């Protein structure tokens, strides 16, 4: 899992900040306004097109591995990403 605080939002390169966010001449979907177009699991050297992300987000981000039965809570507004290293399932609860 990967987490970054809300204070880095300006450097997350959301789809709403992107010039290609409208796609096909349609209107931009606001549901992607909190979705980054950066693969946060990329190696830093592969992120050279996003120097503000490397300089401002990477130093404040956190990564870890959850095991079977682990749970994670983070406050609203935190940037997060998950990936599975094996067959698994997960669920999220918003409250």
PDB file of N, CA and C in Angstrom:
ATOM      1  N   UNK A   1       0.835  -1.160   0.000  1.00  0.00           N
ATOM      2  CA  UNK A   1       0.000   0.000   0.000  1.00  0.00           C
ATOM      3  C   UNK A   1       0.883   1.227   0.000  1.00  0.00           C
ATOM      4  N   UNK A   2       0.315   2.350  -0.458  1.00  0.00           N
ATOM      5  CA  UNK A   2       1.038   3.610  -0.571  1.00  0.00           C
ATOM      6  C   UNK A   2       0.121   4.710  -0.073  1.00  0.00           C
ATOM      7  N   UNK A   3       0.653   5.622   0.739  1.00  0.00           N
ATOM      8  CA  UNK A   3      -0.121   6.737   1.283  1.00  0.00           C
ATOM      9  C   UNK A   3       0.658   8.037   1.171  1.00  0.00           C
ATOM     10  N   UNK A   4      -0.050   9.134   0.961  1.00  0.00           N
ATOM     11  CA  UNK A   4       0.546  10.472   0.977  1.00  0.00           C
ATOM     12  C   UNK A   4      -0.487  11.438   1.561  1.00  0.00           C
ATOM     13  N   UNK A   5      -0.037  12.436   2.306  1.00  0.00           N
ATOM     14  CA  UNK A   5      -0.968  13.354   2.972  1.00  0.00           C
ATOM     15  C   UNK A   5      -1.670  14.308   2.004  1.00  0.00           C
ATOM     16  N   UNK A   6      -2.792  14.858   2.421  1.00  0.00           N
ATOM     17  CA  UNK A   6      -3.537  15.796   1.574  1.00  0.00           C
ATOM     18  C   UNK A   6      -2.723  17.026   1.163  1.00  0.00           C
ATOM     19  N   UNK A   7      -1.719  17.377   1.916  1.00  0.00           N
ATOM     20  CA  UNK A   7      -0.919  18.569   1.622  1.00  0.00           C
ATOM     21  C   UNK A   7      -0.180  18.483   0.283  1.00  0.00           C
ATOM     22  N   UNK A   8      -0.075  17.300  -0.302  1.00  0.00           N
ATOM     23  CA  UNK A   8       0.638  17.130  -1.578  1.00  0.00           C
ATOM     24  C   UNK A   8      -0.307  17.153  -2.787  1.00  0.00           C
ATOM     25  N   UNK A   9      -1.565  17.441  -2.570  1.00  0.00           N
ATOM     26  CA  UNK A   9      -2.570  17.361  -3.641  1.00  0.00           C
ATOM     27  C   UNK A   9      -2.187  18.130  -4.899  1.00  0.00           C
ATOM     28  N   UNK A  10      -1.570  19.299  -4.760  1.00  0.00           N
ATOM     29  CA  UNK A  10      -1.213  20.097  -5.934  1.00  0.00           C
ATOM     30  C   UNK A  10      -0.170  19.421  -6.822  1.00  0.00           C
ATOM     31  N   UNK A  11       0.532  18.434  -6.300  1.00  0.00           N
ATOM     32  CA  UNK A  11       1.591  17.755  -7.061  1.00  0.00           C
ATOM     33  C   UNK A  11       1.209  16.335  -7.479  1.00  0.00           C
ATOM     34  N   UNK A  12      -0.066  15.984  -7.350  1.00  0.00           N
ATOM     35  CA  UNK A  12      -0.494  14.620  -7.668  1.00  0.00           C
ATOM     36  C   UNK A  12      -0.894  14.424  -9.134  1.00  0.00           C
ATOM     37  N   UNK A  13      -0.936  15.485  -9.919  1.00  0.00           N
ATOM     38  CA  UNK A  13      -1.261  15.386 -11.354  1.00  0.00           C
ATOM     39  C   UNK A  13      -2.543  14.603 -11.576  1.00  0.00           C
ATOM     40  N   UNK A  14      -3.633  15.157 -11.058  1.00  0.00           N
ATOM     41  CA  UNK A  14      -4.926  14.500 -11.222  1.00  0.00           C
ATOM     42  C   UNK A  14      -5.392  14.605 -12.665  1.00  0.00           C
ATOM     43  N   UNK A  15      -6.361  13.800 -13.008  1.00  0.00           N
ATOM     44  CA  UNK A  15      -6.911  13.868 -14.351  1.00  0.00           C
ATOM     45  C   UNK A  15      -7.572  15.219 -14.601  1.00  0.00           C
ATOM     46  N   UNK A  16      -8.059  15.888 -13.568  1.00  0.00           N
ATOM     47  CA  UNK A  16      -8.658  17.211 -13.757  1.00  0.00           C
ATOM     48  C   UNK A  16      -7.597  18.262 -14.083  1.00  0.00           C
ATOM     49  N   UNK A  17      -6.329  18.007 -13.732  1.00  0.00           N
ATOM     50  CA  UNK A  17      -5.228  18.913 -14.049  1.00  0.00           C
ATOM     51  C   UNK A  17      -4.627  18.593 -15.416  1.00  0.00           C
ATOM     52  N   UNK A  18      -5.088  17.529 -16.033  1.00  0.00           N
ATOM     53  CA  UNK A  18      -4.496  17.026 -17.264  1.00  0.00           C
ATOM     54  C   UNK A  18      -5.147  17.641 -18.499  1.00  0.00           C
ATOM     55  N   UNK A  19      -4.356  17.894 -19.510  1.00  0.00           N
ATOM     56  CA  UNK A  19      -4.901  18.413 -20.761  1.00  0.00           C
ATOM     57  C   UNK A  19      -5.606  17.323 -21.560  1.00  0.00           C
ATOM     58  N   UNK A  20      -5.360  16.058 -21.223  1.00  0.00           N
ATOM     59  CA  UNK A  20      -6.028  14.989 -21.962  1.00  0.00           C
ATOM     60  C   UNK A  20      -7.182  14.394 -21.176  1.00  0.00           C
ATOM     61  N   UNK A  21      -7.613  15.055 -20.125  1.00  0.00           N
ATOM     62  CA  UNK A  21      -8.671  14.529 -19.265  1.00  0.00           C
ATOM     63  C   UNK A  21     -10.051  14.496 -19.877  1.00  0.00           C
ATOM     64  N   UNK A  22     -10.284  15.214 -20.972  1.00  0.00           N
ATOM     65  CA  UNK A  22     -11.622  15.230 -21.536  1.00  0.00           C
ATOM     66  C   UNK A  22     -11.865  14.072 -22.482  1.00  0.00           C
ATOM     67  N   UNK A  23     -10.866  13.616 -23.173  1.00  0.00           N
ATOM     68  CA  UNK A  23     -10.981  12.459 -24.048  1.00  0.00           C
ATOM     69  C   UNK A  23     -12.137  12.506 -25.026  1.00  0.00           C
ATOM     70  N   UNK A  24     -11.881  12.383 -26.269  1.00  0.00           N
ATOM     71  CA  UNK A  24     -12.917  12.292 -27.281  1.00  0.00           C
ATOM     72  C   UNK A  24     -13.784  13.531 -27.426  1.00  0.00           C
ATOM     73  N   UNK A  25     -13.324  14.668 -26.950  1.00  0.00           N
ATOM     74  CA  UNK A  25     -14.088  15.896 -27.101  1.00  0.00           C
ATOM     75  C   UNK A  25     -15.229  16.034 -26.112  1.00  0.00           C
ATOM     76  N   UNK A  26     -15.421  15.056 -25.238  1.00  0.00           N
ATOM     77  CA  UNK A  26     -16.493  15.137 -24.248  1.00  0.00           C
ATOM     78  C   UNK A  26     -16.088  16.006 -23.074  1.00  0.00           C
ATOM     79  N   UNK A  27     -16.916  16.051 -22.088  1.00  0.00           N
ATOM     80  CA  UNK A  27     -16.608  16.847 -20.910  1.00  0.00           C
ATOM     81  C   UNK A  27     -15.876  15.987 -19.892  1.00  0.00           C
ATOM     82  N   UNK A  28     -15.088  16.636 -19.081  1.00  0.00           N
ATOM     83  CA  UNK A  28     -14.322  15.938 -18.051  1.00  0.00           C
ATOM     84  C   UNK A  28     -15.251  15.420 -16.961  1.00  0.00           C
ATOM     85  N   UNK A  29     -15.033  14.206 -16.507  1.00  0.00           N
ATOM     86  CA  UNK A  29     -15.814  13.643 -15.423  1.00  0.00           C
ATOM     87  C   UNK A  29     -15.202  14.045 -14.085  1.00  0.00           C
ATOM     88  N   UNK A  30     -15.974  14.723 -13.259  1.00  0.00           N
ATOM     89  CA  UNK A  30     -15.464  15.161 -11.961  1.00  0.00           C
ATOM     90  C   UNK A  30     -15.154  13.977 -11.040  1.00  0.00           C
ATOM     91  N   UNK A  31     -15.611  12.790 -11.385  1.00  0.00           N
ATOM     92  CA  UNK A  31     -15.320  11.619 -10.550  1.00  0.00           C
ATOM     93  C   UNK A  31     -13.845  11.238 -10.599  1.00  0.00           C
ATOM     94  N   UNK A  32     -13.093  11.798 -11.556  1.00  0.00           N
ATOM     95  CA  UNK A  32     -11.660  11.530 -11.638  1.00  0.00           C
ATOM     96  C   UNK A  32     -10.820  12.659 -11.034  1.00  0.00           C
ATOM     97  N   UNK A  33     -11.456  13.635 -10.423  1.00  0.00           N
ATOM     98  CA  UNK A  33     -10.726  14.779  -9.891  1.00  0.00           C
ATOM     99  C   UNK A  33      -9.836  14.414  -8.705  1.00  0.00           C
ATOM    100  N   UNK A  34     -10.065  13.260  -8.106  1.00  0.00           N
ATOM    101  CA  UNK A  34      -9.200  12.804  -7.016  1.00  0.00           C
ATOM    102  C   UNK A  34      -8.387  11.573  -7.420  1.00  0.00           C
ATOM    103  N   UNK A  35      -8.179  11.409  -8.718  1.00  0.00           N
ATOM    104  CA  UNK A  35      -7.433  10.272  -9.244  1.00  0.00           C
ATOM    105  C   UNK A  35      -6.180  10.771  -9.958  1.00  0.00           C
ATOM    106  N   UNK A  36      -5.035  10.294  -9.515  1.00  0.00           N
ATOM    107  CA  UNK A  36      -3.770  10.709 -10.110  1.00  0.00           C
ATOM    108  C   UNK A  36      -3.492   9.903 -11.364  1.00  0.00           C
ATOM    109  N   UNK A  37      -2.850  10.533 -12.322  1.00  0.00           N
ATOM    110  CA  UNK A  37      -2.452   9.820 -13.528  1.00  0.00           C
ATOM    111  C   UNK A  37      -1.048   9.253 -13.404  1.00  0.00           C
ATOM    112  N   UNK A  38      -0.436   9.374 -12.226  1.00  0.00           N
ATOM    113  CA  UNK A  38       0.907   8.857 -11.973  1.00  0.00           C
ATOM    114  C   UNK A  38       0.807   7.471 -11.347  1.00  0.00           C
ATOM    115  N   UNK A  39       1.608   6.545 -11.850  1.00  0.00           N
ATOM    116  CA  UNK A  39       1.720   5.230 -11.217  1.00  0.00           C
ATOM    117  C   UNK A  39       2.655   5.401 -10.016  1.00  0.00           C
ATOM    118  N   UNK A  40       2.083   5.500  -8.839  1.00  0.00           N
ATOM    119  CA  UNK A  40       2.872   5.801  -7.646  1.00  0.00           C
ATOM    120  C   UNK A  40       3.835   4.677  -7.279  1.00  0.00           C
ATOM    121  N   UNK A  41       3.679   3.520  -7.868  1.00  0.00           N
ATOM    122  CA  UNK A  41       4.586   2.404  -7.604  1.00  0.00           C
ATOM    123  C   UNK A  41       5.766   2.373  -8.582  1.00  0.00           C
ATOM    124  N   UNK A  42       5.830   3.351  -9.476  1.00  0.00           N
ATOM    125  CA  UNK A  42       6.956   3.433 -10.411  1.00  0.00           C
ATOM    126  C   UNK A  42       8.243   3.761  -9.666  1.00  0.00           C
ATOM    127  N   UNK A  43       9.363   3.389 -10.276  1.00  0.00           N
ATOM    128  CA  UNK A  43      10.663   3.771  -9.741  1.00  0.00           C
ATOM    129  C   UNK A  43      10.850   5.270  -9.969  1.00  0.00           C
ATOM    130  N   UNK A  44      11.525   5.929  -9.047  1.00  0.00           N
ATOM    131  CA  UNK A  44      11.722   7.370  -9.135  1.00  0.00           C
ATOM    132  C   UNK A  44      12.344   7.770 -10.467  1.00  0.00           C
ATOM    133  N   UNK A  45      13.291   7.008 -10.964  1.00  0.00           N
ATOM    134  CA  UNK A  45      13.933   7.365 -12.237  1.00  0.00           C
ATOM    135  C   UNK A  45      12.962   7.300 -13.413  1.00  0.00           C
ATOM    136  N   UNK A  46      11.838   6.601 -13.264  1.00  0.00           N
ATOM    137  CA  UNK A  46      10.839   6.538 -14.328  1.00  0.00           C
ATOM    138  C   UNK A  46       9.832   7.689 -14.249  1.00  0.00           C
ATOM    139  N   UNK A  47       9.982   8.554 -13.263  1.00  0.00           N
ATOM    140  CA  UNK A  47       9.046   9.653 -13.051  1.00  0.00           C
ATOM    141  C   UNK A  47       9.635  11.009 -13.424  1.00  0.00           C
ATOM    142  N   UNK A  48      10.587  11.020 -14.335  1.00  0.00           N
ATOM    143  CA  UNK A  48      11.268  12.258 -14.689  1.00  0.00           C
ATOM    144  C   UNK A  48      10.337  13.304 -15.310  1.00  0.00           C
ATOM    145  N   UNK A  49       9.184  12.897 -15.832  1.00  0.00           N
ATOM    146  CA  UNK A  49       8.216  13.849 -16.384  1.00  0.00           C
ATOM    147  C   UNK A  49       7.423  14.576 -15.290  1.00  0.00           C
ATOM    148  N   UNK A  50       7.597  14.157 -14.045  1.00  0.00           N
ATOM    149  CA  UNK A  50       6.845  14.730 -12.925  1.00  0.00           C
ATOM    150  C   UNK A  50       7.794  15.160 -11.808  1.00  0.00           C
ATOM    151  N   UNK A  51       8.654  16.151 -12.063  1.00  0.00           N
ATOM    152  CA  UNK A  51       9.645  16.533 -11.042  1.00  0.00           C
ATOM    153  C   UNK A  51       9.034  17.055  -9.745  1.00  0.00           C
ATOM    154  N   UNK A  52       7.873  17.707  -9.816  1.00  0.00           N
ATOM    155  CA  UNK A  52       7.252  18.174  -8.575  1.00  0.00           C
ATOM    156  C   UNK A  52       6.740  17.007  -7.741  1.00  0.00           C
ATOM    157  N   UNK A  53       6.273  15.945  -8.397  1.00  0.00           N
ATOM    158  CA  UNK A  53       5.852  14.745  -7.671  1.00  0.00           C
ATOM    159  C   UNK A  53       7.052  14.129  -6.951  1.00  0.00           C
ATOM    160  N   UNK A  54       8.163  14.001  -7.674  1.00  0.00           N
ATOM    161  CA  UNK A  54       9.374  13.411  -7.089  1.00  0.00           C
ATOM    162  C   UNK A  54       9.885  14.275  -5.940  1.00  0.00           C
ATOM    163  N   UNK A  55       9.872  15.587  -6.102  1.00  0.00           N
ATOM    164  CA  UNK A  55      10.424  16.473  -5.093  1.00  0.00           C
ATOM    165  C   UNK A  55       9.536  16.743  -3.903  1.00  0.00           C
ATOM    166  N   UNK A  56       8.206  16.737  -4.113  1.00  0.00           N
ATOM    167  CA  UNK A  56       7.281  17.108  -3.041  1.00  0.00           C
ATOM    168  C   UNK A  56       6.477  15.951  -2.465  1.00  0.00           C
ATOM    169  N   UNK A  57       6.126  14.982  -3.293  1.00  0.00           N
ATOM    170  CA  UNK A  57       5.279  13.879  -2.825  1.00  0.00           C
ATOM    171  C   UNK A  57       6.106  12.710  -2.295  1.00  0.00           C
ATOM    172  N   UNK A  58       7.099  12.294  -3.066  1.00  0.00           N
ATOM    173  CA  UNK A  58       7.893  11.121  -2.671  1.00  0.00           C
ATOM    174  C   UNK A  58       8.474  11.252  -1.260  1.00  0.00           C
ATOM    175  N   UNK A  59       9.043  12.414  -0.878  1.00  0.00           N
ATOM    176  CA  UNK A  59       9.610  12.504   0.474  1.00  0.00           C
ATOM    177  C   UNK A  59       8.574  12.380   1.596  1.00  0.00           C
ATOM    178  N   UNK A  60       7.306  12.689   1.324  1.00  0.00           N
ATOM    179  CA  UNK A  60       6.268  12.627   2.353  1.00  0.00           C
ATOM    180  C   UNK A  60       5.414  11.365   2.287  1.00  0.00           C
ATOM    181  N   UNK A  61       5.601  10.562   1.246  1.00  0.00           N
ATOM    182  CA  UNK A  61       4.766   9.368   1.090  1.00  0.00           C
ATOM    183  C   UNK A  61       5.285   8.216   1.941  1.00  0.00           C
ATOM    184  N   UNK A  62       4.398   7.272   2.166  1.00  0.00           N
ATOM    185  CA  UNK A  62       4.722   6.089   2.958  1.00  0.00           C
ATOM    186  C   UNK A  62       4.276   4.853   2.192  1.00  0.00           C
ATOM    187  N   UNK A  63       5.018   3.782   2.317  1.00  0.00           N
ATOM    188  CA  UNK A  63       4.647   2.523   1.671  1.00  0.00           C
ATOM    189  C   UNK A  63       4.841   1.388   2.665  1.00  0.00           C
ATOM    190  N   UNK A  64       4.058   0.363   2.497  1.00  0.00           N
ATOM    191  CA  UNK A  64       4.177  -0.789   3.380  1.00  0.00           C
ATOM    192  C   UNK A  64       3.468  -1.981   2.779  1.00  0.00           C
ATOM    193  N   UNK A  65       3.586  -3.092   3.447  1.00  0.00           N
ATOM    194  CA  UNK A  65       2.947  -4.328   3.008  1.00  0.00           C
ATOM    195  C   UNK A  65       2.004  -4.806   4.104  1.00  0.00           C
ATOM    196  N   UNK A  66       0.769  -5.057   3.726  1.00  0.00           N
ATOM    197  CA  UNK A  66      -0.215  -5.592   4.654  1.00  0.00           C
ATOM    198  C   UNK A  66      -0.251  -7.096   4.511  1.00  0.00           C
ATOM    199  N   UNK A  67      -0.438  -7.786   5.598  1.00  0.00           N
ATOM    200  CA  UNK A  67      -0.528  -9.237   5.578  1.00  0.00           C
ATOM    201  C   UNK A  67      -1.965  -9.693   5.742  1.00  0.00           C
ATOM    202  N   UNK A  68      -2.188 -10.999   5.661  1.00  0.00           N
ATOM    203  CA  UNK A  68      -3.535 -11.547   5.830  1.00  0.00           C
ATOM    204  C   UNK A  68      -4.149 -11.090   7.151  1.00  0.00           C
ATOM    205  N   UNK A  69      -5.366 -10.584   7.068  1.00  0.00           N
ATOM    206  CA  UNK A  69      -6.081 -10.139   8.256  1.00  0.00           C
ATOM    207  C   UNK A  69      -5.753  -8.720   8.704  1.00  0.00           C
ATOM    208  N   UNK A  70      -4.779  -8.073   8.076  1.00  0.00           N
ATOM    209  CA  UNK A  70      -4.437  -6.700   8.443  1.00  0.00           C
ATOM    210  C   UNK A  70      -5.526  -5.740   7.981  1.00  0.00           C
ATOM    211  N   UNK A  71      -5.654  -4.647   8.705  1.00  0.00           N
ATOM    212  CA  UNK A  71      -6.576  -3.579   8.329  1.00  0.00           C
ATOM    213  C   UNK A  71      -5.803  -2.272   8.354  1.00  0.00           C
ATOM    214  N   UNK A  72      -6.243  -1.338   7.563  1.00  0.00           N
ATOM    215  CA  UNK A  72      -5.582  -0.042   7.490  1.00  0.00           C
ATOM    216  C   UNK A  72      -6.640   1.038   7.551  1.00  0.00           C
ATOM    217  N   UNK A  73      -6.422   2.016   8.413  1.00  0.00           N
ATOM    218  CA  UNK A  73      -7.300   3.181   8.484  1.00  0.00           C
ATOM    219  C   UNK A  73      -6.470   4.406   8.157  1.00  0.00           C
ATOM    220  N   UNK A  74      -6.988   5.247   7.302  1.00  0.00           N
ATOM    221  CA  UNK A  74      -6.344   6.540   7.066  1.00  0.00           C
ATOM    222  C   UNK A  74      -7.451   7.580   6.955  1.00  0.00           C
ATOM    223  N   UNK A  75      -7.156   8.792   7.403  1.00  0.00           N
ATOM    224  CA  UNK A  75      -8.179   9.848   7.423  1.00  0.00           C
ATOM    225  C   UNK A  75      -8.607  10.264   6.019  1.00  0.00           C
ATOM    226  N   UNK A  76      -9.791  10.880   5.905  1.00  0.00           N
ATOM    227  CA  UNK A  76     -10.256  11.372   4.605  1.00  0.00           C
ATOM    228  C   UNK A  76      -9.258  12.355   3.997  1.00  0.00           C
ATOM    229  N   UNK A  77      -9.168  12.320   2.688  1.00  0.00           N
ATOM    230  CA  UNK A  77      -8.303  13.243   1.967  1.00  0.00           C
ATOM    231  C   UNK A  77      -6.914  12.723   1.687  1.00  0.00           C
ATOM    232  N   UNK A  78      -6.529  11.625   2.318  1.00  0.00           N
ATOM    233  CA  UNK A  78      -5.193  11.066   2.079  1.00  0.00           C
ATOM    234  C   UNK A  78      -5.175  10.355   0.735  1.00  0.00           C
ATOM    235  N   UNK A  79      -4.103  10.579  -0.017  1.00  0.00           N
ATOM    236  CA  UNK A  79      -3.897   9.883  -1.284  1.00  0.00           C
ATOM    237  C   UNK A  79      -3.461   8.463  -0.971  1.00  0.00           C
ATOM    238  N   UNK A  80      -3.988   7.508  -1.700  1.00  0.00           N
ATOM    239  CA  UNK A  80      -3.654   6.111  -1.415  1.00  0.00           C
ATOM    240  C   UNK A  80      -3.722   5.268  -2.680  1.00  0.00           C
ATOM    241  N   UNK A  81      -2.970   4.191  -2.640  1.00  0.00           N
ATOM    242  CA  UNK A  81      -2.984   3.230  -3.731  1.00  0.00           C
ATOM    243  C   UNK A  81      -2.642   1.865  -3.144  1.00  0.00           C
ATOM    244  N   UNK A  82      -3.229   0.865  -3.714  1.00  0.00           N
ATOM    245  CA  UNK A  82      -2.982  -0.515  -3.277  1.00  0.00           C
ATOM    246  C   UNK A  82      -2.673  -1.359  -4.496  1.00  0.00           C
ATOM    247  N   UNK A  83      -1.897  -2.387  -4.290  1.00  0.00           N
ATOM    248  CA  UNK A  83      -1.701  -3.401  -5.321  1.00  0.00           C
ATOM    249  C   UNK A  83      -1.486  -4.730  -4.618  1.00  0.00           C
ATOM    250  N   UNK A  84      -1.912  -5.763  -5.277  1.00  0.00           N
ATOM    251  CA  UNK A  84      -1.793  -7.100  -4.713  1.00  0.00           C
ATOM    252  C   UNK A  84      -0.588  -7.808  -5.317  1.00  0.00           C
ATOM    253  N   UNK A  85       0.151  -8.489  -4.474  1.00  0.00           N
ATOM    254  CA  UNK A  85       1.301  -9.258  -4.956  1.00  0.00           C
ATOM    255  C   UNK A  85       0.955 -10.725  -5.158  1.00  0.00           C
ATOM    256  N   UNK A  86      -0.279 -11.076  -4.848  1.00  0.00           N
ATOM    257  CA  UNK A  86      -0.773 -12.433  -5.079  1.00  0.00           C
ATOM    258  C   UNK A  86      -2.295 -12.356  -5.196  1.00  0.00           C
ATOM    259  N   UNK A  87      -2.923 -13.483  -5.488  1.00  0.00           N
ATOM    260  CA  UNK A  87      -4.372 -13.511  -5.583  1.00  0.00           C
ATOM    261  C   UNK A  87      -4.965 -13.139  -4.234  1.00  0.00           C
ATOM    262  N   UNK A  88      -5.866 -12.177  -4.243  1.00  0.00           N
ATOM    263  CA  UNK A  88      -6.441 -11.711  -2.982  1.00  0.00           C
ATOM    264  C   UNK A  88      -7.736 -10.969  -3.259  1.00  0.00           C
ATOM    265  N   UNK A  89      -8.369 -10.517  -2.211  1.00  0.00           N
ATOM    266  CA  UNK A  89      -9.519  -9.633  -2.345  1.00  0.00           C
ATOM    267  C   UNK A  89      -9.449  -8.618  -1.218  1.00  0.00           C
ATOM    268  N   UNK A  90     -10.119  -7.526  -1.434  1.00  0.00           N
ATOM    269  CA  UNK A  90     -10.148  -6.483  -0.417  1.00  0.00           C
ATOM    270  C   UNK A  90     -11.496  -5.782  -0.472  1.00  0.00           C
ATOM    271  N   UNK A  91     -11.783  -5.040   0.551  1.00  0.00           N
ATOM    272  CA  UNK A  91     -12.986  -4.226   0.543  1.00  0.00           C
ATOM    273  C   UNK A  91     -12.688  -2.922   1.268  1.00  0.00           C
ATOM    274  N   UNK A  92     -13.437  -1.905   0.894  1.00  0.00           N
ATOM    275  CA  UNK A  92     -13.262  -0.586   1.495  1.00  0.00           C
ATOM    276  C   UNK A  92     -14.564  -0.150   2.135  1.00  0.00           C
ATOM    277  N   UNK A  93     -14.450   0.567   3.203  1.00  0.00           N
ATOM    278  CA  UNK A  93     -15.618   1.134   3.871  1.00  0.00           C
ATOM    279  C   UNK A  93     -15.376   2.626   4.026  1.00  0.00           C
ATOM    280  N   UNK A  94     -16.350   3.408   3.632  1.00  0.00           N
ATOM    281  CA  UNK A  94     -16.269   4.859   3.783  1.00  0.00           C
ATOM    282  C   UNK A  94     -17.230   5.255   4.902  1.00  0.00           C
ATOM    283  N   UNK A  95     -16.691   5.902   5.912  1.00  0.00           N
ATOM    284  CA  UNK A  95     -17.565   6.353   7.003  1.00  0.00           C
ATOM    285  C   UNK A  95     -17.088   7.642   7.570  1.00  0.00           C
TER     286      UNK A  95
END
